[in-house]
Amino acid sequence: YQLAQQGGGGGQVLFSIVITGALVSIIPVIVVFLLLQRFWQGGLTAGAIK
């Protein structure tokens, strides 16, 4: 919060860093989901069959 108040355009730089960090942290989640999606869907269909 204090970093955003210091300087004229500091808030924009801080916002860019936060957005970049969020994107970098979600990339592994997306990759794991794409790799394991077929097993997840297979488990759903296997559980639905009686």
N, C-alpha and C. Protein backbone atom coordinates (compact mmCIF):
# COMPACT_ATOMS: atom_id res chain seq x y z
N TYR A 1 0.83 -1.20 0.00
CA TYR A 1 0.00 0.00 0.00
C TYR A 1 0.87 1.25 0.00
N GLN A 2 1.89 1.26 0.83
CA GLN A 2 2.76 2.42 0.88
C GLN A 2 3.58 2.54 -0.39
N LEU A 3 3.93 1.41 -1.01
CA LEU A 3 4.67 1.48 -2.26
C LEU A 3 3.85 2.14 -3.35
N ALA A 4 2.54 1.89 -3.35
CA ALA A 4 1.69 2.48 -4.37
C ALA A 4 1.54 3.99 -4.17
N GLN A 5 1.66 4.46 -2.94
CA GLN A 5 1.50 5.88 -2.68
C GLN A 5 2.77 6.66 -3.00
N GLN A 6 3.91 6.02 -2.97
CA GLN A 6 5.17 6.72 -3.22
C GLN A 6 5.36 6.93 -4.72
N GLY A 7 5.74 8.12 -5.10
CA GLY A 7 6.01 8.40 -6.50
C GLY A 7 4.73 8.57 -7.30
N GLY A 8 4.88 9.15 -8.48
CA GLY A 8 3.71 9.42 -9.31
C GLY A 8 3.14 8.18 -9.97
N GLY A 9 3.99 7.38 -10.65
CA GLY A 9 3.49 6.23 -11.39
C GLY A 9 3.84 4.91 -10.74
N GLY A 10 4.19 4.93 -9.47
CA GLY A 10 4.59 3.71 -8.78
C GLY A 10 3.47 2.69 -8.68
N GLY A 11 2.24 3.17 -8.61
CA GLY A 11 1.11 2.26 -8.49
C GLY A 11 0.95 1.39 -9.72
N GLN A 12 1.20 1.94 -10.88
CA GLN A 12 1.08 1.18 -12.12
C GLN A 12 2.14 0.09 -12.19
N VAL A 13 3.35 0.40 -11.74
CA VAL A 13 4.43 -0.59 -11.75
C VAL A 13 4.10 -1.71 -10.78
N LEU A 14 3.62 -1.36 -9.59
CA LEU A 14 3.27 -2.37 -8.59
C LEU A 14 2.14 -3.25 -9.12
N PHE A 15 1.15 -2.65 -9.77
CA PHE A 15 0.04 -3.42 -10.33
C PHE A 15 0.55 -4.39 -11.39
N SER A 16 1.48 -3.96 -12.23
CA SER A 16 2.03 -4.84 -13.26
C SER A 16 2.77 -6.02 -12.63
N ILE A 17 3.50 -5.76 -11.55
CA ILE A 17 4.21 -6.85 -10.88
C ILE A 17 3.24 -7.85 -10.28
N VAL A 18 2.16 -7.37 -9.69
CA VAL A 18 1.16 -8.25 -9.09
C VAL A 18 0.49 -9.10 -10.16
N ILE A 19 0.11 -8.51 -11.27
CA ILE A 19 -0.54 -9.25 -12.36
C ILE A 19 0.42 -10.28 -12.94
N THR A 20 1.68 -9.90 -13.14
CA THR A 20 2.67 -10.85 -13.66
C THR A 20 2.86 -12.01 -12.71
N GLY A 21 2.94 -11.74 -11.42
CA GLY A 21 3.08 -12.81 -10.43
C GLY A 21 1.89 -13.74 -10.42
N ALA A 22 0.70 -13.19 -10.57
CA ALA A 22 -0.51 -14.02 -10.59
C ALA A 22 -0.51 -14.93 -11.82
N LEU A 23 -0.13 -14.40 -12.97
CA LEU A 23 -0.09 -15.21 -14.18
C LEU A 23 0.96 -16.31 -14.09
N VAL A 24 2.13 -15.97 -13.56
CA VAL A 24 3.20 -16.96 -13.44
C VAL A 24 2.81 -18.05 -12.46
N SER A 25 2.08 -17.71 -11.41
CA SER A 25 1.70 -18.71 -10.42
C SER A 25 0.58 -19.62 -10.90
N ILE A 26 -0.24 -19.17 -11.85
CA ILE A 26 -1.35 -20.00 -12.30
C ILE A 26 -0.97 -20.91 -13.47
N ILE A 27 0.16 -20.62 -14.13
CA ILE A 27 0.57 -21.44 -15.28
C ILE A 27 0.79 -22.90 -14.90
N PRO A 28 1.48 -23.24 -13.80
CA PRO A 28 1.63 -24.66 -13.44
C PRO A 28 0.30 -25.35 -13.18
N VAL A 29 -0.66 -24.64 -12.61
CA VAL A 29 -1.98 -25.22 -12.35
C VAL A 29 -2.65 -25.59 -13.67
N ILE A 30 -2.57 -24.72 -14.65
CA ILE A 30 -3.18 -24.98 -15.96
C ILE A 30 -2.49 -26.15 -16.64
N VAL A 31 -1.16 -26.21 -16.57
CA VAL A 31 -0.42 -27.30 -17.20
C VAL A 31 -0.79 -28.64 -16.57
N VAL A 32 -0.85 -28.70 -15.24
CA VAL A 32 -1.21 -29.95 -14.56
C VAL A 32 -2.64 -30.34 -14.92
N PHE A 33 -3.54 -29.38 -14.98
CA PHE A 33 -4.92 -29.69 -15.35
C PHE A 33 -5.00 -30.28 -16.75
N LEU A 34 -4.28 -29.68 -17.70
CA LEU A 34 -4.31 -30.18 -19.07
C LEU A 34 -3.71 -31.58 -19.17
N LEU A 35 -2.65 -31.84 -18.40
CA LEU A 35 -2.01 -33.16 -18.46
C LEU A 35 -2.88 -34.25 -17.81
N LEU A 36 -3.59 -33.91 -16.75
CA LEU A 36 -4.37 -34.92 -16.02
C LEU A 36 -5.85 -34.91 -16.37
N GLN A 37 -6.24 -34.13 -17.35
CA GLN A 37 -7.65 -33.98 -17.70
C GLN A 37 -8.26 -35.30 -18.15
N ARG A 38 -7.53 -36.09 -18.92
CA ARG A 38 -8.11 -37.34 -19.44
C ARG A 38 -8.36 -38.33 -18.30
N PHE A 39 -7.49 -38.36 -17.29
CA PHE A 39 -7.71 -39.25 -16.16
C PHE A 39 -8.89 -38.79 -15.32
N TRP A 40 -9.02 -37.47 -15.18
CA TRP A 40 -10.12 -36.91 -14.40
C TRP A 40 -11.46 -37.21 -15.08
N GLN A 41 -11.53 -37.01 -16.40
CA GLN A 41 -12.76 -37.29 -17.13
C GLN A 41 -13.06 -38.78 -17.13
N GLY A 42 -12.03 -39.61 -17.23
CA GLY A 42 -12.23 -41.06 -17.19
C GLY A 42 -12.78 -41.50 -15.85
N GLY A 43 -12.32 -40.91 -14.78
CA GLY A 43 -12.83 -41.23 -13.44
C GLY A 43 -14.27 -40.80 -13.27
N LEU A 44 -14.64 -39.68 -13.86
CA LEU A 44 -16.02 -39.22 -13.77
C LEU A 44 -16.96 -40.17 -14.50
N THR A 45 -16.58 -40.59 -15.69
CA THR A 45 -17.45 -41.48 -16.46
C THR A 45 -17.49 -42.87 -15.84
N ALA A 46 -16.38 -43.33 -15.28
CA ALA A 46 -16.36 -44.65 -14.65
C ALA A 46 -17.24 -44.66 -13.40
N GLY A 47 -17.27 -43.57 -12.68
CA GLY A 47 -18.10 -43.49 -11.48
C GLY A 47 -19.57 -43.37 -11.80
N ALA A 48 -19.91 -42.94 -13.00
CA ALA A 48 -21.31 -42.77 -13.36
C ALA A 48 -21.94 -44.07 -13.85
N ILE A 49 -21.11 -45.03 -14.27
CA ILE A 49 -21.63 -46.29 -14.79
C ILE A 49 -21.98 -47.21 -13.63
N LYS A 50 -23.19 -47.74 -13.65
CA LYS A 50 -23.62 -48.67 -12.59
C LYS A 50 -23.61 -50.09 -13.10
